Protein backbone atom coordinates (compact mmCIF):
# COMPACT_ATOMS: atom_id res chain seq x y z
CA UNK A 1 0.00 0.00 0.00
CA UNK A 2 1.11 3.57 -0.49
CA UNK A 3 0.37 6.89 1.20
CA UNK A 4 1.25 10.18 -0.44
CA UNK A 5 1.67 12.68 2.40
CA UNK A 6 3.69 15.14 0.32
CA UNK A 7 2.85 18.72 1.18
CA UNK A 8 1.36 17.85 4.57
CA UNK A 9 2.92 19.29 7.72
CA UNK A 10 3.41 17.72 11.14
CA UNK A 11 1.51 15.91 12.55
CA UNK A 12 -0.56 15.03 9.47
CA UNK A 13 1.89 12.60 7.78
CA UNK A 14 2.07 10.47 10.94
CA UNK A 15 -1.66 10.68 11.60
CA UNK A 16 -2.50 9.62 8.05
CA UNK A 17 0.05 6.79 8.22
CA UNK A 18 -1.44 5.63 11.53
CA UNK A 19 -4.95 5.59 10.07
CA UNK A 20 -3.82 3.61 7.03
CA UNK A 21 -1.80 1.15 9.16
CA UNK A 22 -4.78 0.51 11.45
CA UNK A 23 -6.74 -0.69 8.41
CA UNK A 24 -3.96 -3.04 7.26
CA UNK A 25 -3.25 -6.66 8.14
CA UNK A 26 -0.17 -7.60 10.21
CA UNK A 27 2.87 -8.03 8.01
CA UNK A 28 1.67 -5.75 5.23
CA UNK A 29 4.00 -2.93 4.21
CA UNK A 30 3.04 0.71 3.82
CA UNK A 31 5.16 3.07 1.69
CA UNK A 32 4.82 6.67 2.90
CA UNK A 33 6.10 9.64 0.92
CA UNK A 34 6.40 12.83 3.01
CA UNK A 35 8.02 16.20 2.36
CA UNK A 36 7.77 17.52 5.93
CA UNK A 37 11.33 17.73 7.34
CA UNK A 38 10.03 16.68 10.77
CA UNK A 39 8.85 13.35 9.36
CA UNK A 40 12.38 11.91 9.66
CA UNK A 41 11.97 12.27 13.43
CA UNK A 42 8.23 11.63 13.70
CA UNK A 43 7.91 8.39 11.70
CA UNK A 44 10.63 6.45 13.56
CA UNK A 45 9.23 7.67 16.88
CA UNK A 46 5.71 6.63 15.90
CA UNK A 47 6.90 3.18 14.84
CA UNK A 48 8.77 2.62 18.10
CA UNK A 49 5.60 3.48 20.03
CA UNK A 50 3.08 1.63 17.84
CA UNK A 51 4.79 -1.74 17.46
CA UNK A 52 5.09 -1.31 13.71
CA UNK A 53 8.52 -1.81 12.10
CA UNK A 54 10.32 0.91 10.17
CA UNK A 55 12.01 -1.12 7.44
CA UNK A 56 13.71 1.69 5.52
CA UNK A 57 14.04 5.43 5.16
CA UNK A 58 15.20 6.90 1.89
CA UNK A 59 15.27 10.31 0.27
CA UNK A 60 13.91 11.01 -3.20
CA UNK A 61 14.65 14.65 -4.00
CA UNK A 62 12.90 16.70 -1.32
CA UNK A 63 10.70 13.78 -0.25
CA UNK A 64 11.40 11.21 2.44
CA UNK A 65 10.22 7.67 1.70
CA UNK A 66 9.39 5.37 4.60
CA UNK A 67 8.64 1.64 4.44
CA UNK A 68 6.66 0.52 7.47
CA UNK A 69 5.63 -3.07 8.22
CA UNK A 70 2.38 -3.37 10.16
CA UNK A 71 2.96 -5.03 13.52
CA UNK A 72 0.86 -7.75 15.08
CA UNK A 73 -1.15 -5.41 17.29
PDB file of N, CA and C in Angstrom:
ATOM      1  N   UNK A   1       0.847  -1.173   0.000  1.00  0.00           N
ATOM      2  CA  UNK A   1       0.000   0.000   0.000  1.00  0.00           C
ATOM      3  C   UNK A   1       0.893   1.237   0.000  1.00  0.00           C
ATOM      4  N   UNK A   2       0.332   2.340  -0.424  1.00  0.00           N
ATOM      5  CA  UNK A   2       1.108   3.569  -0.492  1.00  0.00           C
ATOM      6  C   UNK A   2       0.288   4.741   0.026  1.00  0.00           C
ATOM      7  N   UNK A   3       0.986   5.665   0.695  1.00  0.00           N
ATOM      8  CA  UNK A   3       0.369   6.885   1.203  1.00  0.00           C
ATOM      9  C   UNK A   3       1.203   8.063   0.740  1.00  0.00           C
ATOM     10  N   UNK A   4       0.578   8.971   0.009  1.00  0.00           N
ATOM     11  CA  UNK A   4       1.251  10.178  -0.443  1.00  0.00           C
ATOM     12  C   UNK A   4       0.907  11.296   0.536  1.00  0.00           C
ATOM     13  N   UNK A   5       1.859  11.618   1.409  1.00  0.00           N
ATOM     14  CA  UNK A   5       1.666  12.679   2.398  1.00  0.00           C
ATOM     15  C   UNK A   5       2.493  13.913   2.035  1.00  0.00           C
ATOM     16  N   UNK A   6       2.903  13.994   0.773  1.00  0.00           N
ATOM     17  CA  UNK A   6       3.687  15.142   0.319  1.00  0.00           C
ATOM     18  C   UNK A   6       2.861  16.420   0.474  1.00  0.00           C
ATOM     19  N   UNK A   7       3.514  17.446   0.993  1.00  0.00           N
ATOM     20  CA  UNK A   7       2.849  18.724   1.180  1.00  0.00           C
ATOM     21  C   UNK A   7       2.152  18.874   2.522  1.00  0.00           C
ATOM     22  N   UNK A   8       2.003  17.786   3.255  1.00  0.00           N
ATOM     23  CA  UNK A   8       1.356  17.855   4.574  1.00  0.00           C
ATOM     24  C   UNK A   8       2.402  18.151   5.640  1.00  0.00           C
ATOM     25  N   UNK A   9       2.014  18.938   6.627  1.00  0.00           N
ATOM     26  CA  UNK A   9       2.921  19.289   7.716  1.00  0.00           C
ATOM     27  C   UNK A   9       2.570  18.517   8.974  1.00  0.00           C
ATOM     28  N   UNK A  10       3.544  18.402   9.858  1.00  0.00           N
ATOM     29  CA  UNK A  10       3.414  17.719  11.140  1.00  0.00           C
ATOM     30  C   UNK A  10       2.169  18.230  11.863  1.00  0.00           C
ATOM     31  N   UNK A  11       1.370  17.366  12.393  1.00  0.00           N
ATOM     32  CA  UNK A  11       1.505  15.915  12.553  1.00  0.00           C
ATOM     33  C   UNK A  11       0.772  15.097  11.495  1.00  0.00           C
ATOM     34  N   UNK A  12       0.298  15.733  10.425  1.00  0.00           N
ATOM     35  CA  UNK A  12      -0.564  15.032   9.472  1.00  0.00           C
ATOM     36  C   UNK A  12       0.070  13.814   8.801  1.00  0.00           C
ATOM     37  N   UNK A  13       1.349  13.819   8.383  1.00  0.00           N
ATOM     38  CA  UNK A  13       1.888  12.597   7.783  1.00  0.00           C
ATOM     39  C   UNK A  13       1.806  11.382   8.712  1.00  0.00           C
ATOM     40  N   UNK A  14       2.123  11.578   9.974  1.00  0.00           N
ATOM     41  CA  UNK A  14       2.069  10.468  10.936  1.00  0.00           C
ATOM     42  C   UNK A  14       0.627  10.057  11.202  1.00  0.00           C
ATOM     43  N   UNK A  15      -0.260  11.017  11.338  1.00  0.00           N
ATOM     44  CA  UNK A  15      -1.661  10.685  11.604  1.00  0.00           C
ATOM     45  C   UNK A  15      -2.288   9.918  10.445  1.00  0.00           C
ATOM     46  N   UNK A  16      -1.973  10.320   9.224  1.00  0.00           N
ATOM     47  CA  UNK A  16      -2.505   9.615   8.051  1.00  0.00           C
ATOM     48  C   UNK A  16      -1.894   8.216   7.936  1.00  0.00           C
ATOM     49  N   UNK A  17      -0.602   8.105   8.249  1.00  0.00           N
ATOM     50  CA  UNK A  17       0.047   6.787   8.225  1.00  0.00           C
ATOM     51  C   UNK A  17      -0.586   5.880   9.273  1.00  0.00           C
ATOM     52  N   UNK A  18      -0.823   6.417  10.448  1.00  0.00           N
ATOM     53  CA  UNK A  18      -1.440   5.632  11.526  1.00  0.00           C
ATOM     54  C   UNK A  18      -2.806   5.111  11.101  1.00  0.00           C
ATOM     55  N   UNK A  19      -3.607   5.986  10.509  1.00  0.00           N
ATOM     56  CA  UNK A  19      -4.947   5.592  10.071  1.00  0.00           C
ATOM     57  C   UNK A  19      -4.874   4.487   9.025  1.00  0.00           C
ATOM     58  N   UNK A  20      -3.967   4.624   8.088  1.00  0.00           N
ATOM     59  CA  UNK A  20      -3.820   3.611   7.032  1.00  0.00           C
ATOM     60  C   UNK A  20      -3.327   2.295   7.629  1.00  0.00           C
ATOM     61  N   UNK A  21      -2.348   2.365   8.539  1.00  0.00           N
ATOM     62  CA  UNK A  21      -1.805   1.150   9.156  1.00  0.00           C
ATOM     63  C   UNK A  21      -2.860   0.417   9.976  1.00  0.00           C
ATOM     64  N   UNK A  22      -3.730   1.146  10.647  1.00  0.00           N
ATOM     65  CA  UNK A  22      -4.782   0.509  11.450  1.00  0.00           C
ATOM     66  C   UNK A  22      -5.715  -0.336  10.580  1.00  0.00           C
ATOM     67  N   UNK A  23      -5.859   0.038   9.318  1.00  0.00           N
ATOM     68  CA  UNK A  23      -6.744  -0.691   8.413  1.00  0.00           C
ATOM     69  C   UNK A  23      -6.046  -1.859   7.714  1.00  0.00           C
ATOM     70  N   UNK A  24      -4.742  -2.004   7.937  1.00  0.00           N
ATOM     71  CA  UNK A  24      -3.963  -3.040   7.255  1.00  0.00           C
ATOM     72  C   UNK A  24      -3.843  -4.296   8.110  1.00  0.00           C
ATOM     73  N   UNK A  25      -3.476  -5.391   7.458  1.00  0.00           N
ATOM     74  CA  UNK A  25      -3.252  -6.662   8.138  1.00  0.00           C
ATOM     75  C   UNK A  25      -1.804  -6.732   8.626  1.00  0.00           C
ATOM     76  N   UNK A  26      -1.553  -7.432   9.746  1.00  0.00           N
ATOM     77  CA  UNK A  26      -0.170  -7.596  10.211  1.00  0.00           C
ATOM     78  C   UNK A  26       0.726  -8.156   9.118  1.00  0.00           C
ATOM     79  N   UNK A  27       1.909  -7.590   9.002  1.00  0.00           N
ATOM     80  CA  UNK A  27       2.870  -8.033   8.011  1.00  0.00           C
ATOM     81  C   UNK A  27       2.836  -7.252   6.708  1.00  0.00           C
ATOM     82  N   UNK A  28       1.737  -6.561   6.443  1.00  0.00           N
ATOM     83  CA  UNK A  28       1.665  -5.749   5.226  1.00  0.00           C
ATOM     84  C   UNK A  28       2.595  -4.554   5.359  1.00  0.00           C
ATOM     85  N   UNK A  29       3.046  -4.041   4.217  1.00  0.00           N
ATOM     86  CA  UNK A  29       3.998  -2.931   4.210  1.00  0.00           C
ATOM     87  C   UNK A  29       3.346  -1.691   3.596  1.00  0.00           C
ATOM     88  N   UNK A  30       3.535  -0.577   4.274  1.00  0.00           N
ATOM     89  CA  UNK A  30       3.045   0.713   3.819  1.00  0.00           C
ATOM     90  C   UNK A  30       4.229   1.563   3.386  1.00  0.00           C
ATOM     91  N   UNK A  31       4.141   2.135   2.193  1.00  0.00           N
ATOM     92  CA  UNK A  31       5.155   3.067   1.692  1.00  0.00           C
ATOM     93  C   UNK A  31       4.580   4.473   1.854  1.00  0.00           C
ATOM     94  N   UNK A  32       5.273   5.295   2.627  1.00  0.00           N
ATOM     95  CA  UNK A  32       4.825   6.666   2.899  1.00  0.00           C
ATOM     96  C   UNK A  32       5.808   7.636   2.268  1.00  0.00           C
ATOM     97  N   UNK A  33       5.284   8.579   1.499  1.00  0.00           N
ATOM     98  CA  UNK A  33       6.096   9.643   0.919  1.00  0.00           C
ATOM     99  C   UNK A  33       5.698  10.933   1.610  1.00  0.00           C
ATOM    100  N   UNK A  34       6.675  11.592   2.257  1.00  0.00           N
ATOM    101  CA  UNK A  34       6.404  12.825   3.006  1.00  0.00           C
ATOM    102  C   UNK A  34       7.483  13.864   2.708  1.00  0.00           C
ATOM    103  N   UNK A  35       7.075  15.119   2.608  1.00  0.00           N
ATOM    104  CA  UNK A  35       8.022  16.203   2.362  1.00  0.00           C
ATOM    105  C   UNK A  35       8.300  17.025   3.614  1.00  0.00           C
ATOM    106  N   UNK A  36       7.565  16.791   4.673  1.00  0.00           N
ATOM    107  CA  UNK A  36       7.768  17.522   5.928  1.00  0.00           C
ATOM    108  C   UNK A  36       9.111  17.117   6.537  1.00  0.00           C
ATOM    109  N   UNK A  37      10.022  18.074   6.767  1.00  0.00           N
ATOM    110  CA  UNK A  37      11.329  17.731   7.344  1.00  0.00           C
ATOM    111  C   UNK A  37      11.232  17.028   8.698  1.00  0.00           C
ATOM    112  N   UNK A  38      10.184  17.311   9.453  1.00  0.00           N
ATOM    113  CA  UNK A  38      10.025  16.684  10.772  1.00  0.00           C
ATOM    114  C   UNK A  38       9.665  15.202  10.668  1.00  0.00           C
ATOM    115  N   UNK A  39       9.259  14.751   9.499  1.00  0.00           N
ATOM    116  CA  UNK A  39       8.845  13.351   9.360  1.00  0.00           C
ATOM    117  C   UNK A  39       9.996  12.383   9.621  1.00  0.00           C
ATOM    118  N   UNK A  40      11.249  12.809   9.392  1.00  0.00           N
ATOM    119  CA  UNK A  40      12.380  11.914   9.656  1.00  0.00           C
ATOM    120  C   UNK A  40      12.545  11.645  11.145  1.00  0.00           C
ATOM    121  N   UNK A  41      11.976  12.488  11.972  1.00  0.00           N
ATOM    122  CA  UNK A  41      11.967  12.269  13.427  1.00  0.00           C
ATOM    123  C   UNK A  41      10.663  11.597  13.847  1.00  0.00           C
ATOM    124  N   UNK A  42       9.559  12.082  13.280  1.00  0.00           N
ATOM    125  CA  UNK A  42       8.232  11.631  13.704  1.00  0.00           C
ATOM    126  C   UNK A  42       7.927  10.175  13.337  1.00  0.00           C
ATOM    127  N   UNK A  43       8.259   9.755  12.125  1.00  0.00           N
ATOM    128  CA  UNK A  43       7.914   8.386  11.701  1.00  0.00           C
ATOM    129  C   UNK A  43       8.640   7.324  12.525  1.00  0.00           C
ATOM    130  N   UNK A  44       9.964   7.445  12.717  1.00  0.00           N
ATOM    131  CA  UNK A  44      10.630   6.447  13.564  1.00  0.00           C
ATOM    132  C   UNK A  44      10.077   6.423  14.994  1.00  0.00           C
ATOM    133  N   UNK A  45       9.779   7.599  15.524  1.00  0.00           N
ATOM    134  CA  UNK A  45       9.228   7.669  16.879  1.00  0.00           C
ATOM    135  C   UNK A  45       7.861   6.990  16.931  1.00  0.00           C
ATOM    136  N   UNK A  46       7.023   7.271  15.944  1.00  0.00           N
ATOM    137  CA  UNK A  46       5.710   6.634  15.898  1.00  0.00           C
ATOM    138  C   UNK A  46       5.848   5.105  15.850  1.00  0.00           C
ATOM    139  N   UNK A  47       6.728   4.627  14.979  1.00  0.00           N
ATOM    140  CA  UNK A  47       6.895   3.178  14.838  1.00  0.00           C
ATOM    141  C   UNK A  47       7.374   2.531  16.137  1.00  0.00           C
ATOM    142  N   UNK A  48       8.274   3.195  16.843  1.00  0.00           N
ATOM    143  CA  UNK A  48       8.767   2.622  18.102  1.00  0.00           C
ATOM    144  C   UNK A  48       7.664   2.566  19.156  1.00  0.00           C
ATOM    145  N   UNK A  49       6.700   3.457  19.071  1.00  0.00           N
ATOM    146  CA  UNK A  49       5.601   3.477  20.027  1.00  0.00           C
ATOM    147  C   UNK A  49       4.448   2.557  19.618  1.00  0.00           C
ATOM    148  N   UNK A  50       4.261   2.352  18.324  1.00  0.00           N
ATOM    149  CA  UNK A  50       3.080   1.634  17.835  1.00  0.00           C
ATOM    150  C   UNK A  50       3.275   0.123  17.718  1.00  0.00           C
ATOM    151  N   UNK A  51       4.534  -0.320  17.675  1.00  0.00           N
ATOM    152  CA  UNK A  51       4.789  -1.742  17.464  1.00  0.00           C
ATOM    153  C   UNK A  51       4.935  -2.103  15.997  1.00  0.00           C
ATOM    154  N   UNK A  52       4.843  -1.094  15.131  1.00  0.00           N
ATOM    155  CA  UNK A  52       5.094  -1.315  13.711  1.00  0.00           C
ATOM    156  C   UNK A  52       6.601  -1.212  13.482  1.00  0.00           C
ATOM    157  N   UNK A  53       7.080  -1.764  12.364  1.00  0.00           N
ATOM    158  CA  UNK A  53       8.519  -1.810  12.099  1.00  0.00           C
ATOM    159  C   UNK A  53       8.880  -0.874  10.952  1.00  0.00           C
ATOM    160  N   UNK A  54       9.797   0.038  11.213  1.00  0.00           N
ATOM    161  CA  UNK A  54      10.316   0.909  10.169  1.00  0.00           C
ATOM    162  C   UNK A  54      11.396   0.126   9.434  1.00  0.00           C
ATOM    163  N   UNK A  55      11.097  -0.287   8.208  1.00  0.00           N
ATOM    164  CA  UNK A  55      12.012  -1.121   7.439  1.00  0.00           C
ATOM    165  C   UNK A  55      13.096  -0.309   6.747  1.00  0.00           C
ATOM    166  N   UNK A  56      12.749   0.883   6.272  1.00  0.00           N
ATOM    167  CA  UNK A  56      13.709   1.686   5.518  1.00  0.00           C
ATOM    168  C   UNK A  56      13.271   3.136   5.475  1.00  0.00           C
ATOM    169  N   UNK A  57      14.261   4.003   5.373  1.00  0.00           N
ATOM    170  CA  UNK A  57      14.039   5.426   5.160  1.00  0.00           C
ATOM    171  C   UNK A  57      14.967   5.827   4.021  1.00  0.00           C
ATOM    172  N   UNK A  58      14.411   6.479   3.034  1.00  0.00           N
ATOM    173  CA  UNK A  58      15.204   6.903   1.887  1.00  0.00           C
ATOM    174  C   UNK A  58      14.787   8.320   1.525  1.00  0.00           C
ATOM    175  N   UNK A  59      15.603   8.973   0.730  1.00  0.00           N
ATOM    176  CA  UNK A  59      15.270  10.311   0.271  1.00  0.00           C
ATOM    177  C   UNK A  59      15.182  10.300  -1.244  1.00  0.00           C
ATOM    178  N   UNK A  60      14.125  10.905  -1.762  1.00  0.00           N
ATOM    179  CA  UNK A  60      13.906  11.014  -3.200  1.00  0.00           C
ATOM    180  C   UNK A  60      13.677  12.488  -3.500  1.00  0.00           C
ATOM    181  N   UNK A  61      14.744  13.201  -3.819  1.00  0.00           N
ATOM    182  CA  UNK A  61      14.654  14.654  -4.000  1.00  0.00           C
ATOM    183  C   UNK A  61      14.375  15.309  -2.660  1.00  0.00           C
ATOM    184  N   UNK A  62      13.272  16.044  -2.575  1.00  0.00           N
ATOM    185  CA  UNK A  62      12.901  16.696  -1.316  1.00  0.00           C
ATOM    186  C   UNK A  62      11.988  15.821  -0.459  1.00  0.00           C
ATOM    187  N   UNK A  63      11.617  14.660  -0.981  1.00  0.00           N
ATOM    188  CA  UNK A  63      10.703  13.783  -0.250  1.00  0.00           C
ATOM    189  C   UNK A  63      11.466  12.700   0.513  1.00  0.00           C
ATOM    190  N   UNK A  64      10.906  12.335   1.650  1.00  0.00           N
ATOM    191  CA  UNK A  64      11.399  11.210   2.436  1.00  0.00           C
ATOM    192  C   UNK A  64      10.448  10.049   2.187  1.00  0.00           C
ATOM    193  N   UNK A  65      11.015   8.866   1.977  1.00  0.00           N
ATOM    194  CA  UNK A  65      10.216   7.674   1.703  1.00  0.00           C
ATOM    195  C   UNK A  65      10.440   6.682   2.839  1.00  0.00           C
ATOM    196  N   UNK A  66       9.344   6.274   3.465  1.00  0.00           N
ATOM    197  CA  UNK A  66       9.392   5.367   4.600  1.00  0.00           C
ATOM    198  C   UNK A  66       8.693   4.065   4.226  1.00  0.00           C
ATOM    199  N   UNK A  67       9.296   2.940   4.570  1.00  0.00           N
ATOM    200  CA  UNK A  67       8.639   1.639   4.437  1.00  0.00           C
ATOM    201  C   UNK A  67       8.357   1.131   5.838  1.00  0.00           C
ATOM    202  N   UNK A  68       7.092   0.913   6.128  1.00  0.00           N
ATOM    203  CA  UNK A  68       6.665   0.523   7.473  1.00  0.00           C
ATOM    204  C   UNK A  68       5.898  -0.782   7.389  1.00  0.00           C
ATOM    205  N   UNK A  69       6.349  -1.793   8.158  1.00  0.00           N
ATOM    206  CA  UNK A  69       5.626  -3.070   8.225  1.00  0.00           C
ATOM    207  C   UNK A  69       4.669  -3.028   9.413  1.00  0.00           C
ATOM    208  N   UNK A  70       3.414  -3.331   9.124  1.00  0.00           N
ATOM    209  CA  UNK A  70       2.376  -3.368  10.159  1.00  0.00           C
ATOM    210  C   UNK A  70       2.708  -4.448  11.177  1.00  0.00           C
ATOM    211  N   UNK A  71       2.678  -4.085  12.451  1.00  0.00           N
ATOM    212  CA  UNK A  71       2.955  -5.034  13.519  1.00  0.00           C
ATOM    213  C   UNK A  71       1.767  -5.931  13.793  1.00  0.00           C
ATOM    214  N   UNK A  72       1.907  -6.781  14.778  1.00  0.00           N
ATOM    215  CA  UNK A  72       0.864  -7.751  15.079  1.00  0.00           C
ATOM    216  C   UNK A  72      -0.289  -7.182  15.893  1.00  0.00           C
ATOM    217  N   UNK A  73      -0.089  -5.990  16.454  1.00  0.00           N
ATOM    218  CA  UNK A  73      -1.151  -5.408  17.292  1.00  0.00           C
ATOM    219  C   UNK A  73      -2.266  -4.806  16.488  1.00  0.00           C
TER     220      UNK A  73
END
